[in-house]
C-alpha atoms as a PDB file:
ATOM      1  CA  ALA A   1     138.682  66.827  76.184  1.00  0.00           C
ATOM      2  CA  GLN A   2     136.050  64.922  74.218  1.00  0.00           C
ATOM      3  CA  GLN A   3     138.650  63.165  72.068  1.00  0.00           C
ATOM      4  CA  TYR A   4     140.608  62.136  75.163  1.00  0.00           C
ATOM      5  CA  TYR A   5     137.410  60.810  76.730  1.00  0.00           C
ATOM      6  CA  ILE A   6     136.622  58.809  73.576  1.00  0.00           C
ATOM      7  CA  THR A   7     140.142  57.365  73.607  1.00  0.00           C
ATOM      8  CA  TYR A   8     139.849  56.514  77.309  1.00  0.00           C
ATOM      9  CA  ILE A   9     136.506  54.704  77.084  1.00  0.00           C
ATOM     10  CA  THR A  10     137.648  52.859  73.971  1.00  0.00           C
ATOM     11  CA  LEU A  11     140.802  51.664  75.726  1.00  0.00           C
ATOM     12  CA  ALA A  12     138.786  50.799  78.855  1.00  0.00           C
ATOM     13  CA  ARG A  13     136.793  48.272  76.817  1.00  0.00           C
ATOM     14  CA  PHE A  14     140.002  46.365  76.037  1.00  0.00           C
ATOM     15  CA  ASP A  15     141.428  46.545  79.556  1.00  0.00           C
ATOM     16  CA  GLY A  16     141.352  42.985  80.840  1.00  0.00           C
ATOM     17  CA  THR A  17     141.766  44.030  84.478  1.00  0.00           C
ATOM     18  CA  GLY A  18     138.784  46.400  84.399  1.00  0.00           C
ATOM     19  CA  ARG A  19     140.784  49.035  86.241  1.00  0.00           C
ATOM     20  CA  MET A  20     140.217  51.704  83.583  1.00  0.00           C
ATOM     21  CA  GLY A  21     136.485  51.012  83.485  1.00  0.00           C
ATOM     22  CA  ARG A  22     136.181  51.350  87.252  1.00  0.00           C
ATOM     23  CA  ARG A  23     137.909  54.726  87.046  1.00  0.00           C
ATOM     24  CA  CYS A  24     135.399  56.087  84.557  1.00  0.00           C
ATOM     25  CA  THR A  25     133.603  57.932  87.364  1.00  0.00           C
ATOM     26  CA  PRO A  26     133.198  61.611  88.324  1.00  0.00           C
ATOM     27  CA  GLU A  27     135.894  61.176  90.998  1.00  0.00           C
ATOM     28  CA  TYR A  28     138.515  60.420  88.347  1.00  0.00           C
ATOM     29  CA  ILE A  29     137.162  62.281  85.294  1.00  0.00           C
ATOM     30  CA  LEU A  30     136.254  65.909  85.795  1.00  0.00           C
ATOM     31  CA  ASP A  31     132.943  66.964  84.220  1.00  0.00           C
ATOM     32  CA  LEU A  32     132.042  63.393  83.263  1.00  0.00           C
ATOM     33  CA  ALA A  33     128.329  64.182  82.834  1.00  0.00           C
ATOM     34  CA  ASN A  34     129.104  66.912  80.291  1.00  0.00           C
ATOM     35  CA  LEU A  35     131.444  64.613  78.375  1.00  0.00           C
ATOM     36  CA  GLU A  36     128.825  61.860  78.287  1.00  0.00           C
ATOM     37  CA  ARG A  37     126.287  64.321  76.810  1.00  0.00           C
ATOM     38  CA  LYS A  38     128.710  65.428  74.109  1.00  0.00           C
ATOM     39  CA  VAL A  39     129.899  61.970  73.056  1.00  0.00           C
ATOM     40  CA  GLY A  40     127.669  59.550  71.181  1.00  0.00           C
ATOM     41  CA  VAL A  41     128.019  55.871  70.439  1.00  0.00           C
ATOM     42  CA  ILE A  42     126.717  53.616  67.709  1.00  0.00           C
ATOM     43  CA  GLU A  43     126.953  49.862  67.486  1.00  0.00           C
ATOM     44  CA  ILE A  44     128.118  48.325  64.239  1.00  0.00           C
ATOM     45  CA  ALA A  45     127.811  44.645  63.370  1.00  0.00           C
ATOM     46  CA  ARG A  46     130.955  43.571  61.525  1.00  0.00           C
ATOM     47  CA  ASN A  47     131.931  39.979  60.779  1.00  0.00           C
ATOM     48  CA  GLY A  48     129.400  38.709  63.274  1.00  0.00           C
ATOM     49  CA  LYS A  49     130.750  40.877  66.098  1.00  0.00           C
ATOM     50  CA  LEU A  50     129.136  43.932  67.615  1.00  0.00           C
ATOM     51  CA  GLU A  51     131.535  46.892  67.796  1.00  0.00           C
ATOM     52  CA  LYS A  52     130.989  50.266  69.419  1.00  0.00           C
ATOM     53  CA  ALA A  53     132.067  53.432  67.619  1.00  0.00           C
ATOM     54  CA  TYR A  54     132.273  56.638  69.638  1.00  0.00           C
ATOM     55  CA  PHE A  55     131.987  60.106  68.128  1.00  0.00           C
ATOM     56  CA  THR A  56     131.660  63.743  69.152  1.00  0.00           C
ATOM     57  CA  ILE A  57     128.094  64.982  68.793  1.00  0.00           C
ATOM     58  CA  PRO A  58     128.054  68.240  66.778  1.00  0.00           C
ATOM     59  CA  ALA A  59     126.953  71.300  68.762  1.00  0.00           C
ATOM     60  CA  VAL A  60     124.057  71.987  66.385  1.00  0.00           C
ATOM     61  CA  CYS A  61     122.401  68.717  67.461  1.00  0.00           C
ATOM     62  CA  GLN A  62     121.356  70.271  70.762  1.00  0.00           C
ATOM     63  CA  TYR A  63     118.749  72.218  68.787  1.00  0.00           C
ATOM     64  CA  LEU A  64     116.898  69.123  67.540  1.00  0.00           C
ATOM     65  CA  SER A  65     113.429  69.056  69.075  1.00  0.00           C
ATOM     66  CA  LYS A  66     112.200  66.115  71.138  1.00  0.00           C
ATOM     67  CA  ARG A  67     109.302  65.722  68.726  1.00  0.00           C
ATOM     68  CA  SER A  68     111.684  65.283  65.783  1.00  0.00           C
ATOM     69  CA  LYS A  69     113.867  62.845  67.730  1.00  0.00           C
ATOM     70  CA  GLN A  70     110.829  60.727  68.551  1.00  0.00           C
ATOM     71  CA  ALA A  71     109.579  60.852  64.972  1.00  0.00           C
ATOM     72  CA  LEU A  72     112.981  59.708  63.735  1.00  0.00           C
ATOM     73  CA  VAL A  73     113.173  56.832  66.215  1.00  0.00           C
ATOM     74  CA  LEU A  74     109.591  55.693  65.619  1.00  0.00           C
ATOM     75  CA  ASN A  75     109.296  56.185  61.857  1.00  0.00           C
ATOM     76  CA  VAL A  76     112.612  55.003  60.408  1.00  0.00           C
ATOM     77  CA  ASN A  77     112.118  52.072  58.042  1.00  0.00           C
ATOM     78  CA  ARG A  78     113.707  49.072  59.776  1.00  0.00           C
ATOM     79  CA  SER A  79     112.895  46.363  57.252  1.00  0.00           C
ATOM     80  CA  ASN A  80     116.622  45.748  56.730  1.00  0.00           C
ATOM     81  CA  LEU A  81     119.905  47.529  57.477  1.00  0.00           C
ATOM     82  CA  GLN A  82     120.202  49.067  54.000  1.00  0.00           C
ATOM     83  CA  MET A  83     116.689  50.557  54.158  1.00  0.00           C
ATOM     84  CA  GLN A  84     117.319  51.792  57.695  1.00  0.00           C
ATOM     85  CA  LEU A  85     120.473  53.632  56.621  1.00  0.00           C
ATOM     86  CA  THR A  86     118.860  54.984  53.445  1.00  0.00           C
ATOM     87  CA  ASP A  87     115.788  56.236  55.308  1.00  0.00           C
ATOM     88  CA  PHE A  88     117.902  57.815  58.050  1.00  0.00           C
ATOM     89  CA  THR A  89     120.165  59.659  55.606  1.00  0.00           C
ATOM     90  CA  GLY A  90     117.107  60.741  53.588  1.00  0.00           C
ATOM     91  CA  ARG A  91     115.684  62.424  56.679  1.00  0.00           C
ATOM     92  CA  PHE A  92     118.937  64.122  57.616  1.00  0.00           C
ATOM     93  CA  ASP A  93     118.571  67.234  55.423  1.00  0.00           C
ATOM     94  CA  THR A  94     115.193  68.082  56.946  1.00  0.00           C
ATOM     95  CA  LEU A  95     116.478  67.515  60.476  1.00  0.00           C
ATOM     96  CA  TYR A  96     119.581  69.612  59.817  1.00  0.00           C
ATOM     97  CA  GLN A  97     117.476  72.490  58.483  1.00  0.00           C
ATOM     98  CA  GLU A  98     115.291  72.278  61.599  1.00  0.00           C
ATOM     99  CA  MET A  99     118.352  72.369  63.863  1.00  0.00           C
ATOM    100  CA  LYS A 100     119.845  75.382  62.052  1.00  0.00           C
ATOM    101  CA  HIS A 101     116.481  77.187  62.159  1.00  0.00           C
ATOM    102  CA  THR A 102     116.073  76.524  65.891  1.00  0.00           C
ATOM    103  CA  GLN A 103     119.649  77.686  66.469  1.00  0.00           C
ATOM    104  CA  THR A 104     118.844  80.968  64.696  1.00  0.00           C
ATOM    105  CA  LEU A 105     115.681  81.362  66.760  1.00  0.00           C
ATOM    106  CA  THR A 106     117.623  80.745  69.956  1.00  0.00           C
ATOM    107  CA  GLU A 107     120.502  83.115  69.199  1.00  0.00           C
ATOM    108  CA  ARG A 108     118.324  86.144  68.369  1.00  0.00           C
ATOM    109  CA  PRO A 109     116.596  87.550  71.485  1.00  0.00           C
ATOM    110  CA  ILE A 110     113.231  88.517  69.975  1.00  0.00           C
ATOM    111  CA  LEU A 111     112.950  85.262  68.031  1.00  0.00           C
ATOM    112  CA  SER A 112     113.953  83.352  71.149  1.00  0.00           C
ATOM    113  CA  LEU A 113     111.102  85.005  73.026  1.00  0.00           C
ATOM    114  CA  PHE A 114     108.635  83.910  70.344  1.00  0.00           C
ATOM    115  CA  ARG A 115     110.027  80.350  70.408  1.00  0.00           C
ATOM    116  CA  ARG A 116     109.806  80.076  74.206  1.00  0.00           C
ATOM    117  CA  THR A 117     106.235  81.412  74.359  1.00  0.00           C
ATOM    118  CA  LEU A 118     104.885  79.302  71.477  1.00  0.00           C
ATOM    119  CA  ASP A 119     102.932  76.851  73.643  1.00  0.00           C
ATOM    120  CA  MET A 120     101.400  79.625  75.723  1.00  0.00           C
ATOM    121  CA  ARG A 121     100.400  81.591  72.605  1.00  0.00           C
ATOM    122  CA  GLU A 122      98.847  78.507  70.989  1.00  0.00           C
ATOM    123  CA  LYS A 123      96.721  77.908  74.094  1.00  0.00           C
ATOM    124  CA  ALA A 124      95.704  81.581  74.245  1.00  0.00           C
ATOM    125  CA  PHE A 125      94.650  81.575  70.580  1.00  0.00           C
ATOM    126  CA  PHE A 126      92.664  78.359  71.095  1.00  0.00           C
ATOM    127  CA  ILE A 127      90.854  79.769  74.138  1.00  0.00           C
ATOM    128  CA  ASN A 128      90.171  82.988  72.216  1.00  0.00           C
ATOM    129  CA  ALA A 129      88.622  80.986  69.354  1.00  0.00           C
ATOM    130  CA  LEU A 130      86.489  79.008  71.811  1.00  0.00           C
ATOM    131  CA  ILE A 131      85.202  82.180  73.474  1.00  0.00           C
ATOM    132  CA  MET A 132      84.423  83.805  70.125  1.00  0.00           C
ATOM    133  CA  ASN A 133      82.513  80.716  68.944  1.00  0.00           C
ATOM    134  CA  LEU A 134      80.568  80.489  72.197  1.00  0.00           C
ATOM    135  CA  LEU A 135      79.625  84.166  71.966  1.00  0.00           C
ATOM    136  CA  MET A 136      78.499  83.653  68.378  1.00  0.00           C
ATOM    137  CA  LEU A 137      76.343  80.669  69.427  1.00  0.00           C
ATOM    138  CA  ILE A 138      74.798  82.510  72.344  1.00  0.00           C
ATOM    139  CA  PHE A 139      74.112  85.920  70.809  1.00  0.00           C
ATOM    140  CA  THR A 140      73.416  85.145  67.163  1.00  0.00           C
ATOM    141  CA  SER A 141      69.838  84.410  66.280  1.00  0.00           C
ATOM    142  CA  TYR A 142      68.917  82.211  63.351  1.00  0.00           C
ATOM    143  CA  GLU A 143      65.546  81.731  61.803  1.00  0.00           C
ATOM    144  CA  CYS A 144      64.968  78.651  59.743  1.00  0.00           C
ATOM    145  CA  ASP A 145      62.530  78.932  56.843  1.00  0.00           C
ATOM    146  CA  GLY A 146      62.736  75.190  56.103  1.00  0.00           C
ATOM    147  CA  SER A 147      64.313  75.586  52.671  1.00  0.00           C
ATOM    148  CA  PHE A 148      67.284  73.295  53.221  1.00  0.00           C
ATOM    149  CA  ILE A 149      65.614  70.495  55.196  1.00  0.00           C
END
């Protein structure tokens, strides 16, 4: 279905009447929202013209964290197109390993539980450390003999 959708939206761009573009709605295309999530688009500048290239997004990409997506968008070197492409492809191996790792964590029930409760556990450990430090400050006595002042 994704390949048919890609073909349809590509042909709709060249339809002079606009009829195909107007029919690219949920009334005419079943499960349009799902297809839009699974199909990506990039814009390529070629011979002074901007072209759109559509592609199927691999299933493993759903496991990329929002933090990593933001880091990629914000930190890619954009000094020129060559550096942008080089930097992006240089980051790909790390991102792919993260996606595969998250996929493994999601598919195994016990690991999935640990992944889903990570934020809650981090907060609990932080609060525990705060309480322990406060108790140490309150109940530990210290006598200064003036040797380090």
